[in-house]
Each structure stands twice: as structure tokens, then as C-alpha cells.
């Protein structure tokens, strides 16, 4: 478990630090930028949001995945399966069907870390794990998250930059195909809901 949580945080830090991110969209009047990064068959995206709350407040709200349904409509249900430690929880998440696809579910490890140094971000890292007590169920298509999560950088005592990252696999693709053909509407809408929820 210690190795899994370490590699979860390390994978997100590595993804965030990769060179070669291309900005694909900046929303007018709203502090949202969408970036993509392609490497072989793996597509990653980053959503950068300017939020008018202190970084520690954004961190406490975003690290609690039971609150996620309040702003992310892709999350239908989210329950804690296991509290591994104060900084680590395993959740079971379900999301609704998309055109031609049955509902999906995920078993994810969420690892949270506070910064050790003032200039470091708060981190909430997400990856899929297997849990014997939660085998795949026939009514869901079990999907995998390779690497996802948030980095929260403090801008001032009352504002921060929230960056959401996701490495996209075929399991998450149905939700994103529309976005990646040019209308990144779903990503935008979710980002705007996230900002509204945090503020």
C-alpha cells in the first residue's frame, strides 16, 4: 500500500512536469485553459482553473471525493470502500451510460499530500486499483484510470490555480470523444461547475 500511494503521487507529479503540453482552448472571460499532451497512444489533458479561494480550502474540498457528484455530472455514485490512512482512501465510483456504452465503474485509490515547501502544490492523485472485495459486476463495464488528479498552487492568501490532469485510456474515451473532436464542451462545463462549487 505504501508503494501504491507513493507511485500514485509520483506518477501525477511526473505527468504534470512533462514538457510538450499544447494549449487547445482558453475560455473568454473565464479563467479556464485546456491543454493536451500526446505521447504514442496515450493522450493526456490538463484543465487549468483560476479560483478565488485559498489553496488549502480548494485542497480540502477536492480531496474529498464524496463531494465530487456536487460538481462533476460524470460521477453518479461514489462510496468509500476503505480508508487506508488519513491521506489514502479507496472509492468505488459509477458513471452513467454514454451513447452505445453501458454504465462504467471504477475502483480508485485517492492519495492526498500537503506541500512540504511553500512553493510546492497540494496534490490529490488518482489511479485504479483492484480490490478482492469489489470484483467487476455484470451491470457495469469496469474501467481503468491510469493517472489523474489535481495539483493546487497558491497564488495569494485568497486565490489559487487548480490543475486537473487525466491520462486518457480507452475506458474514459467515450466521455471525451466529443470533446477531442473540437467541442470541448463537457470538459469546459465540468471546469466551470468545479470553480462554482469551490467558490
Protein backbone atom coordinates (compact mmCIF):
# COMPACT_ATOMS: atom_id res chain seq x y z
CA UNK A 1 0.00 0.00 0.00
CA UNK A 2 2.83 2.39 0.81
CA UNK A 3 4.36 1.70 -2.62
CA UNK A 4 0.99 2.19 -4.38
CA UNK A 5 0.38 5.53 -2.71
CA UNK A 6 3.94 6.71 -3.38
CA UNK A 7 3.74 5.70 -7.06
CA UNK A 8 0.28 7.34 -7.32
CA UNK A 9 1.69 10.73 -6.21
CA UNK A 10 4.90 10.25 -8.23
CA UNK A 11 3.01 9.42 -11.46
CA UNK A 12 0.90 12.58 -11.22
CA UNK A 13 3.95 14.74 -10.42
CA UNK A 14 5.75 13.21 -13.42
CA UNK A 15 2.77 13.81 -15.74
CA UNK A 16 2.42 17.43 -14.58
CA UNK A 17 6.12 18.09 -15.18
CA UNK A 18 6.28 16.69 -18.73
CA UNK A 19 7.36 19.09 -21.47
CA UNK A 20 5.30 19.47 -24.63
CA UNK A 21 1.83 20.45 -23.35
CA UNK A 22 -0.17 22.20 -26.10
CA UNK A 23 -2.84 24.71 -25.18
CA UNK A 24 -6.04 23.88 -27.06
CA UNK A 25 -8.50 26.33 -25.61
CA UNK A 26 -8.75 29.43 -23.42
CA UNK A 27 -12.24 30.41 -22.32
CA UNK A 28 -13.04 34.09 -22.76
CA UNK A 29 -13.85 35.95 -19.53
CA UNK A 30 -13.38 32.76 -17.53
CA UNK A 31 -10.15 31.62 -16.03
CA UNK A 32 -10.05 28.19 -17.68
CA UNK A 33 -7.37 26.84 -20.03
CA UNK A 34 -7.38 23.37 -21.58
CA UNK A 35 -4.11 21.69 -22.58
CA UNK A 36 -3.35 18.35 -24.23
CA UNK A 37 -0.27 16.14 -24.38
CA UNK A 38 0.15 13.25 -26.81
CA UNK A 39 2.72 10.51 -26.40
CA UNK A 40 2.27 7.39 -28.53
CA UNK A 41 -1.22 6.01 -27.91
CA UNK A 42 -1.63 7.90 -24.64
CA UNK A 43 -3.45 11.21 -24.64
CA UNK A 44 -3.35 13.36 -21.51
CA UNK A 45 -5.21 16.54 -20.82
CA UNK A 46 -4.86 19.32 -18.28
CA UNK A 47 -7.53 21.79 -17.24
CA UNK A 48 -6.17 24.88 -15.51
CA UNK A 49 -8.64 26.87 -13.39
CA UNK A 50 -8.15 30.17 -11.55
CA UNK A 51 -10.19 30.01 -8.34
CA UNK A 52 -10.91 32.72 -5.79
CA UNK A 53 -10.42 30.63 -2.65
CA UNK A 54 -7.26 29.85 -0.63
CA UNK A 55 -5.35 26.77 -1.80
CA UNK A 56 -5.94 24.83 1.45
CA UNK A 57 -9.72 25.27 1.07
CA UNK A 58 -9.65 24.00 -2.54
CA UNK A 59 -7.50 21.07 -1.38
CA UNK A 60 -9.87 20.01 1.39
CA UNK A 61 -12.88 20.17 -0.98
CA UNK A 62 -11.23 18.41 -3.93
CA UNK A 63 -9.58 15.66 -1.89
CA UNK A 64 -12.96 14.52 -0.53
CA UNK A 65 -14.33 12.52 -3.45
CA UNK A 66 -17.71 12.03 -1.75
CA UNK A 67 -18.33 15.70 -2.70
CA UNK A 68 -17.47 15.12 -6.35
CA UNK A 69 -21.06 14.48 -7.50
CA UNK A 70 -21.89 18.04 -6.49
CA UNK A 71 -19.93 19.40 -9.44
CA UNK A 72 -18.99 16.50 -11.76
CA UNK A 73 -22.01 15.01 -13.53
CA UNK A 74 -19.92 12.03 -14.71
CA UNK A 75 -19.92 10.78 -11.10
CA UNK A 76 -23.27 9.10 -10.42
CA UNK A 77 -22.26 7.46 -7.14
CA UNK A 78 -19.09 7.48 -5.08
CA UNK A 79 -18.63 5.43 -1.92
CA UNK A 80 -15.62 4.88 0.33
CA UNK A 81 -14.64 1.19 0.28
CA UNK A 82 -11.63 1.51 2.53
CA UNK A 83 -9.92 4.30 4.46
CA UNK A 84 -6.34 3.10 4.14
CA UNK A 85 -4.93 6.03 6.13
CA UNK A 86 -5.67 9.71 6.74
CA UNK A 87 -4.15 10.50 3.35
CA UNK A 88 -5.37 7.48 1.37
CA UNK A 89 -8.86 6.24 0.56
CA UNK A 90 -10.20 3.66 -1.89
CA UNK A 91 -13.50 4.56 -3.56
CA UNK A 92 -15.98 2.80 -5.82
CA UNK A 93 -17.30 5.22 -8.46
CA UNK A 94 -20.05 4.65 -11.01
CA UNK A 95 -20.78 6.78 -14.05
CA UNK A 96 -23.78 6.75 -16.36
CA UNK A 97 -24.06 5.18 -19.80
CA UNK A 98 -22.90 7.10 -22.87
CA UNK A 99 -24.21 6.53 -26.39
CA UNK A 100 -23.67 2.87 -27.23
CA UNK A 101 -21.85 2.06 -23.98
CA UNK A 102 -23.11 0.54 -20.75
CA UNK A 103 -22.57 2.32 -17.40
CA UNK A 104 -18.99 2.22 -16.17
CA UNK A 105 -17.46 1.75 -12.77
CA UNK A 106 -14.04 2.38 -11.28
CA UNK A 107 -12.23 1.27 -8.13
CA UNK A 108 -9.78 4.08 -7.39
CA UNK A 109 -7.11 4.95 -4.87
CA UNK A 110 -7.12 8.65 -3.97
CA UNK A 111 -3.88 9.86 -2.34
CA UNK A 112 -3.60 13.38 -0.95
CA UNK A 113 -0.47 15.28 0.07
CA UNK A 114 0.10 18.70 1.57
CA UNK A 115 3.15 20.63 0.34
CA UNK A 116 6.43 20.20 2.23
CA UNK A 117 7.78 23.53 0.91
CA UNK A 118 5.81 26.79 0.41
CA UNK A 119 6.30 26.75 -3.38
CA UNK A 120 5.09 23.14 -3.79
CA UNK A 121 1.48 22.39 -4.77
CA UNK A 122 -1.14 20.49 -2.82
CA UNK A 123 -1.62 17.15 -4.60
CA UNK A 124 -4.60 14.81 -4.99
CA UNK A 125 -3.62 11.78 -7.11
CA UNK A 126 -5.97 9.13 -8.51
CA UNK A 127 -5.34 5.71 -10.03
CA UNK A 128 -7.28 2.47 -10.44
CA UNK A 129 -6.60 -0.42 -8.10
CA UNK A 130 -8.02 -3.93 -7.77
CA UNK A 131 -9.81 -4.94 -4.61
CA UNK A 132 -10.90 -8.53 -3.99
CA UNK A 133 -13.99 -7.33 -2.15
CA UNK A 134 -15.15 -5.33 -5.21
CA UNK A 135 -14.88 -7.59 -8.28
CA UNK A 136 -16.31 -6.41 -11.64
CA UNK A 137 -20.11 -6.60 -11.84
CA UNK A 138 -22.09 -7.56 -14.97
CA UNK A 139 -24.17 -4.37 -15.00
CA UNK A 140 -21.03 -2.20 -15.27
CA UNK A 141 -18.06 -2.08 -17.59
CA UNK A 142 -15.08 -1.92 -15.22
CA UNK A 143 -12.80 0.88 -16.45
CA UNK A 144 -9.31 1.95 -15.53
CA UNK A 145 -7.77 5.29 -14.62
CA UNK A 146 -4.03 5.22 -15.29
CA UNK A 147 -3.19 8.54 -13.74
CA UNK A 148 -5.38 11.52 -12.84
CA UNK A 149 -5.78 14.12 -10.14
CA UNK A 150 -5.28 17.70 -9.04
CA UNK A 151 -2.36 19.98 -8.29
CA UNK A 152 -3.32 23.13 -6.40
CA UNK A 153 -0.88 26.07 -6.47
CA UNK A 154 -1.33 29.02 -4.14
CA UNK A 155 -1.43 32.43 -5.89
CA UNK A 156 -2.27 34.58 -2.85
CA UNK A 157 -3.96 34.22 0.53
CA UNK A 158 -7.34 34.24 -1.23
CA UNK A 159 -6.75 32.63 -4.65
CA UNK A 160 -5.17 29.57 -6.23
CA UNK A 161 -4.64 27.78 -9.53
CA UNK A 162 -6.23 24.33 -9.71
CA UNK A 163 -4.85 22.00 -12.40
CA UNK A 164 -6.76 18.80 -13.19
CA UNK A 165 -4.86 16.10 -15.07
CA UNK A 166 -6.08 12.91 -16.74
CA UNK A 167 -4.21 10.34 -18.80
CA UNK A 168 -6.87 9.03 -21.13
CA UNK A 169 -7.34 5.34 -21.81
CA UNK A 170 -9.99 3.69 -23.97
CA UNK A 171 -12.12 3.26 -20.83
CA UNK A 172 -12.53 7.01 -20.42
CA UNK A 173 -12.59 7.73 -24.16
CA UNK A 174 -16.40 7.65 -24.69
CA UNK A 175 -16.72 10.68 -22.39
CA UNK A 176 -14.08 12.58 -24.28
CA UNK A 177 -14.51 11.76 -27.95
CA UNK A 178 -16.90 14.68 -28.42
CA UNK A 179 -14.50 16.99 -26.61
CA UNK A 180 -11.47 15.99 -28.60
CA UNK A 181 -13.15 16.49 -31.98
CA UNK A 182 -13.17 20.18 -31.25
CA UNK A 183 -16.08 20.87 -28.94
CA UNK A 184 -14.52 20.56 -25.51
CA UNK A 185 -17.91 21.40 -24.04
CA UNK A 186 -18.12 18.66 -21.43
CA UNK A 187 -14.64 19.45 -20.05
CA UNK A 188 -15.47 23.17 -20.03
CA UNK A 189 -18.81 22.71 -18.32
CA UNK A 190 -17.27 20.46 -15.66
CA UNK A 191 -14.48 23.01 -15.06
CA UNK A 192 -17.00 25.83 -14.66
CA UNK A 193 -19.05 23.71 -12.24
CA UNK A 194 -15.88 22.93 -10.29
CA UNK A 195 -14.99 26.64 -9.96
CA UNK A 196 -18.56 27.47 -8.91
CA UNK A 197 -18.51 24.68 -6.30
CA UNK A 198 -15.13 25.78 -4.86
CA UNK A 199 -16.05 29.45 -4.68
